[in-house]
Structures are given as structure tokens and as C-alpha cells.
Amino acid sequence: MKKTTPTLAAERQYVIEKEKFVPVSQYFGEDTFNHNVIKEKLSKDVYKKLMDAINEDKTLDDETANVVAHAMKEW
């Protein structure tokens, strides 16, 4: 049986690539159900009801809430 000498991790040569710094503000909220996605996924009527609920502190009816929940789930 042939014996080999083990290679220590400290002896290995690693190539370190510097990543370009990207501020968090450049990608924050990128993969979220945001206004652009909401406009794309919901009908105009449901979108208006949702925006009224968000901006004017109104409550959503059950049917509208279910449509929004389904759109989020499918997204």
C-alpha cells in the first residue's frame, strides 16, 4: 500500500478575488412584492382597493384580500 503525505490546508494556495463593493441601497427590496409587482399582478380595481387600504388606513374586504394573497403566493 502506498502512503501519501497529507496536504495541510495552510499550505494550499488560494486565489482571493476582491468583490466590488455595492451599497445596500442598490439592491435593498429587490426581491419583494413591491408597487411595480403589485401593478403587474393585480387588476386595476384590486390595486386601487389595496392602495386605499395602505394609504388611507381602510380595511380590505375578504374577496380583495384573497386576490392579493393569491397574487403574492403565485409571485
N, C-alpha and C. Protein backbone atom coordinates (compact mmCIF):
# COMPACT_ATOMS: atom_id res chain seq x y z
N MET A 1 0.83 -1.18 0.00
CA MET A 1 0.00 0.00 0.00
C MET A 1 0.88 1.25 0.00
N LYS A 2 0.56 2.19 -0.85
CA LYS A 2 1.38 3.38 -0.99
C LYS A 2 0.89 4.47 -0.02
N LYS A 3 1.82 5.03 0.72
CA LYS A 3 1.47 6.10 1.65
C LYS A 3 1.74 7.44 0.99
N THR A 4 0.80 8.36 1.21
CA THR A 4 1.00 9.72 0.70
C THR A 4 1.00 10.68 1.88
N THR A 5 1.69 11.74 1.73
CA THR A 5 1.72 12.71 2.81
C THR A 5 0.50 13.62 2.68
N PRO A 6 -0.13 13.89 3.79
CA PRO A 6 -1.33 14.75 3.73
C PRO A 6 -0.93 16.20 3.43
N THR A 7 -1.81 16.88 2.74
CA THR A 7 -1.59 18.29 2.43
C THR A 7 -2.34 19.12 3.46
N LEU A 8 -1.63 20.00 4.08
CA LEU A 8 -2.26 20.87 5.06
C LEU A 8 -2.98 22.02 4.35
N ALA A 9 -4.13 22.37 4.90
CA ALA A 9 -4.90 23.46 4.30
C ALA A 9 -4.11 24.77 4.30
N ALA A 10 -3.27 24.95 5.31
CA ALA A 10 -2.48 26.18 5.40
C ALA A 10 -1.44 26.27 4.29
N GLU A 11 -1.09 25.16 3.70
CA GLU A 11 -0.08 25.15 2.64
C GLU A 11 -0.67 25.38 1.26
N ARG A 12 -1.97 25.30 1.14
CA ARG A 12 -2.61 25.48 -0.16
C ARG A 12 -2.55 26.93 -0.59
N GLN A 13 -2.52 27.13 -1.88
CA GLN A 13 -2.50 28.47 -2.45
C GLN A 13 -3.92 28.81 -2.93
N TYR A 14 -4.49 29.85 -2.37
CA TYR A 14 -5.84 30.26 -2.73
C TYR A 14 -5.78 31.57 -3.50
N VAL A 15 -6.63 31.67 -4.49
CA VAL A 15 -6.75 32.91 -5.24
C VAL A 15 -7.91 33.68 -4.63
N ILE A 16 -7.61 34.86 -4.13
CA ILE A 16 -8.64 35.67 -3.50
C ILE A 16 -9.04 36.77 -4.46
N GLU A 17 -10.32 36.77 -4.80
CA GLU A 17 -10.83 37.81 -5.69
C GLU A 17 -11.59 38.82 -4.85
N LYS A 18 -11.26 40.07 -5.05
CA LYS A 18 -11.98 41.11 -4.33
C LYS A 18 -13.30 41.37 -5.04
N GLU A 19 -14.36 41.40 -4.24
CA GLU A 19 -15.67 41.72 -4.80
C GLU A 19 -15.85 43.23 -4.82
N LYS A 20 -16.49 43.69 -5.85
CA LYS A 20 -16.75 45.11 -5.95
C LYS A 20 -17.80 45.49 -4.91
N PHE A 21 -17.55 46.54 -4.16
CA PHE A 21 -18.47 46.98 -3.12
C PHE A 21 -19.73 47.56 -3.76
N VAL A 22 -20.86 47.03 -3.34
CA VAL A 22 -22.15 47.54 -3.80
C VAL A 22 -22.94 47.98 -2.58
N PRO A 23 -23.35 49.24 -2.52
CA PRO A 23 -24.11 49.69 -1.36
C PRO A 23 -25.44 48.94 -1.25
N VAL A 24 -25.85 48.73 -0.03
CA VAL A 24 -27.10 48.01 0.22
C VAL A 24 -28.27 48.70 -0.47
N SER A 25 -28.23 50.00 -0.54
CA SER A 25 -29.33 50.75 -1.16
C SER A 25 -29.52 50.39 -2.63
N GLN A 26 -28.50 49.81 -3.26
CA GLN A 26 -28.61 49.41 -4.66
C GLN A 26 -29.47 48.17 -4.86
N TYR A 27 -29.54 47.31 -3.85
CA TYR A 27 -30.29 46.07 -4.02
C TYR A 27 -31.34 45.83 -2.95
N PHE A 28 -31.48 46.75 -2.00
CA PHE A 28 -32.46 46.58 -0.93
C PHE A 28 -33.87 46.56 -1.52
N GLY A 29 -34.65 45.57 -1.14
CA GLY A 29 -36.03 45.46 -1.60
C GLY A 29 -36.17 44.96 -3.02
N GLU A 30 -35.10 44.43 -3.58
CA GLU A 30 -35.10 43.99 -4.97
C GLU A 30 -36.05 42.83 -5.21
N ASP A 31 -36.07 41.87 -4.32
CA ASP A 31 -36.91 40.69 -4.49
C ASP A 31 -38.11 40.74 -3.55
N THR A 32 -38.86 41.83 -3.61
CA THR A 32 -40.03 41.99 -2.76
C THR A 32 -41.27 42.21 -3.60
N PHE A 33 -42.40 41.98 -3.00
CA PHE A 33 -43.69 42.22 -3.65
C PHE A 33 -43.96 43.72 -3.57
N ASN A 34 -43.28 44.49 -4.42
CA ASN A 34 -43.33 45.95 -4.35
C ASN A 34 -44.42 46.52 -5.26
N HIS A 35 -44.48 47.85 -5.35
CA HIS A 35 -45.53 48.51 -6.13
C HIS A 35 -45.51 48.09 -7.60
N ASN A 36 -44.35 47.93 -8.18
CA ASN A 36 -44.28 47.51 -9.58
C ASN A 36 -44.86 46.12 -9.78
N VAL A 37 -44.54 45.22 -8.88
CA VAL A 37 -45.07 43.85 -8.97
C VAL A 37 -46.57 43.86 -8.71
N ILE A 38 -47.00 44.65 -7.74
CA ILE A 38 -48.42 44.73 -7.42
C ILE A 38 -49.20 45.21 -8.64
N LYS A 39 -48.71 46.25 -9.31
CA LYS A 39 -49.39 46.76 -10.50
C LYS A 39 -49.46 45.70 -11.60
N GLU A 40 -48.41 44.94 -11.71
CA GLU A 40 -48.34 43.91 -12.75
C GLU A 40 -49.27 42.74 -12.46
N LYS A 41 -49.38 42.34 -11.21
CA LYS A 41 -50.10 41.12 -10.85
C LYS A 41 -51.59 41.32 -10.55
N LEU A 42 -51.98 42.53 -10.18
CA LEU A 42 -53.37 42.77 -9.77
C LEU A 42 -54.12 43.58 -10.82
N SER A 43 -55.44 43.39 -10.84
CA SER A 43 -56.27 44.21 -11.72
C SER A 43 -56.30 45.64 -11.18
N LYS A 44 -56.73 46.58 -12.01
CA LYS A 44 -56.76 47.98 -11.59
C LYS A 44 -57.66 48.18 -10.38
N ASP A 45 -58.80 47.51 -10.37
CA ASP A 45 -59.76 47.65 -9.27
C ASP A 45 -59.17 47.15 -7.95
N VAL A 46 -58.58 45.97 -7.99
CA VAL A 46 -57.98 45.39 -6.79
C VAL A 46 -56.78 46.23 -6.35
N TYR A 47 -56.00 46.71 -7.31
CA TYR A 47 -54.85 47.56 -6.99
C TYR A 47 -55.30 48.82 -6.26
N LYS A 48 -56.36 49.45 -6.77
CA LYS A 48 -56.86 50.68 -6.14
C LYS A 48 -57.36 50.39 -4.73
N LYS A 49 -58.08 49.31 -4.54
CA LYS A 49 -58.57 48.96 -3.20
C LYS A 49 -57.41 48.71 -2.24
N LEU A 50 -56.38 48.04 -2.72
CA LEU A 50 -55.22 47.76 -1.88
C LEU A 50 -54.48 49.05 -1.52
N MET A 51 -54.28 49.93 -2.49
CA MET A 51 -53.60 51.19 -2.22
C MET A 51 -54.41 52.07 -1.27
N ASP A 52 -55.74 52.05 -1.41
CA ASP A 52 -56.59 52.78 -0.46
C ASP A 52 -56.42 52.22 0.95
N ALA A 53 -56.35 50.91 1.05
CA ALA A 53 -56.17 50.28 2.36
C ALA A 53 -54.83 50.66 2.97
N ILE A 54 -53.81 50.72 2.15
CA ILE A 54 -52.47 51.05 2.64
C ILE A 54 -52.35 52.54 2.97
N ASN A 55 -52.77 53.39 2.05
CA ASN A 55 -52.55 54.82 2.19
C ASN A 55 -53.58 55.54 3.06
N GLU A 56 -54.80 55.06 3.05
CA GLU A 56 -55.87 55.75 3.77
C GLU A 56 -56.36 54.97 4.98
N ASP A 57 -55.64 53.94 5.34
CA ASP A 57 -55.96 53.14 6.52
C ASP A 57 -57.37 52.56 6.47
N LYS A 58 -57.77 52.10 5.29
CA LYS A 58 -59.07 51.44 5.13
C LYS A 58 -58.87 49.94 5.25
N THR A 59 -59.95 49.22 5.50
CA THR A 59 -59.84 47.77 5.60
C THR A 59 -60.16 47.14 4.24
N LEU A 60 -59.55 46.02 3.98
CA LEU A 60 -59.82 45.27 2.75
C LEU A 60 -60.98 44.32 2.99
N ASP A 61 -61.83 44.20 1.98
CA ASP A 61 -62.86 43.17 2.08
C ASP A 61 -62.21 41.81 1.85
N ASP A 62 -62.89 40.76 2.27
CA ASP A 62 -62.31 39.41 2.20
C ASP A 62 -61.95 39.00 0.78
N GLU A 63 -62.80 39.34 -0.18
CA GLU A 63 -62.54 38.94 -1.57
C GLU A 63 -61.26 39.58 -2.10
N THR A 64 -61.09 40.87 -1.84
CA THR A 64 -59.89 41.58 -2.29
C THR A 64 -58.65 41.04 -1.60
N ALA A 65 -58.76 40.79 -0.31
CA ALA A 65 -57.63 40.24 0.45
C ALA A 65 -57.22 38.88 -0.10
N ASN A 66 -58.19 38.07 -0.49
CA ASN A 66 -57.88 36.75 -1.06
C ASN A 66 -57.19 36.88 -2.41
N VAL A 67 -57.62 37.85 -3.22
CA VAL A 67 -56.98 38.06 -4.53
C VAL A 67 -55.53 38.50 -4.33
N VAL A 68 -55.30 39.40 -3.39
CA VAL A 68 -53.94 39.88 -3.11
C VAL A 68 -53.08 38.73 -2.58
N ALA A 69 -53.63 37.94 -1.67
CA ALA A 69 -52.89 36.81 -1.11
C ALA A 69 -52.53 35.80 -2.19
N HIS A 70 -53.46 35.55 -3.09
CA HIS A 70 -53.19 34.60 -4.18
C HIS A 70 -52.09 35.14 -5.11
N ALA A 71 -52.15 36.43 -5.40
CA ALA A 71 -51.12 37.04 -6.27
C ALA A 71 -49.75 36.94 -5.62
N MET A 72 -49.70 37.17 -4.32
CA MET A 72 -48.41 37.07 -3.61
C MET A 72 -47.91 35.63 -3.62
N LYS A 73 -48.81 34.69 -3.45
CA LYS A 73 -48.44 33.28 -3.44
C LYS A 73 -47.90 32.85 -4.81
N GLU A 74 -48.55 33.29 -5.86
CA GLU A 74 -48.13 32.93 -7.22
C GLU A 74 -46.85 33.63 -7.64
N TRP A 75 -46.60 34.80 -7.07
CA TRP A 75 -45.41 35.57 -7.39
C TRP A 75 -44.19 34.83 -6.96
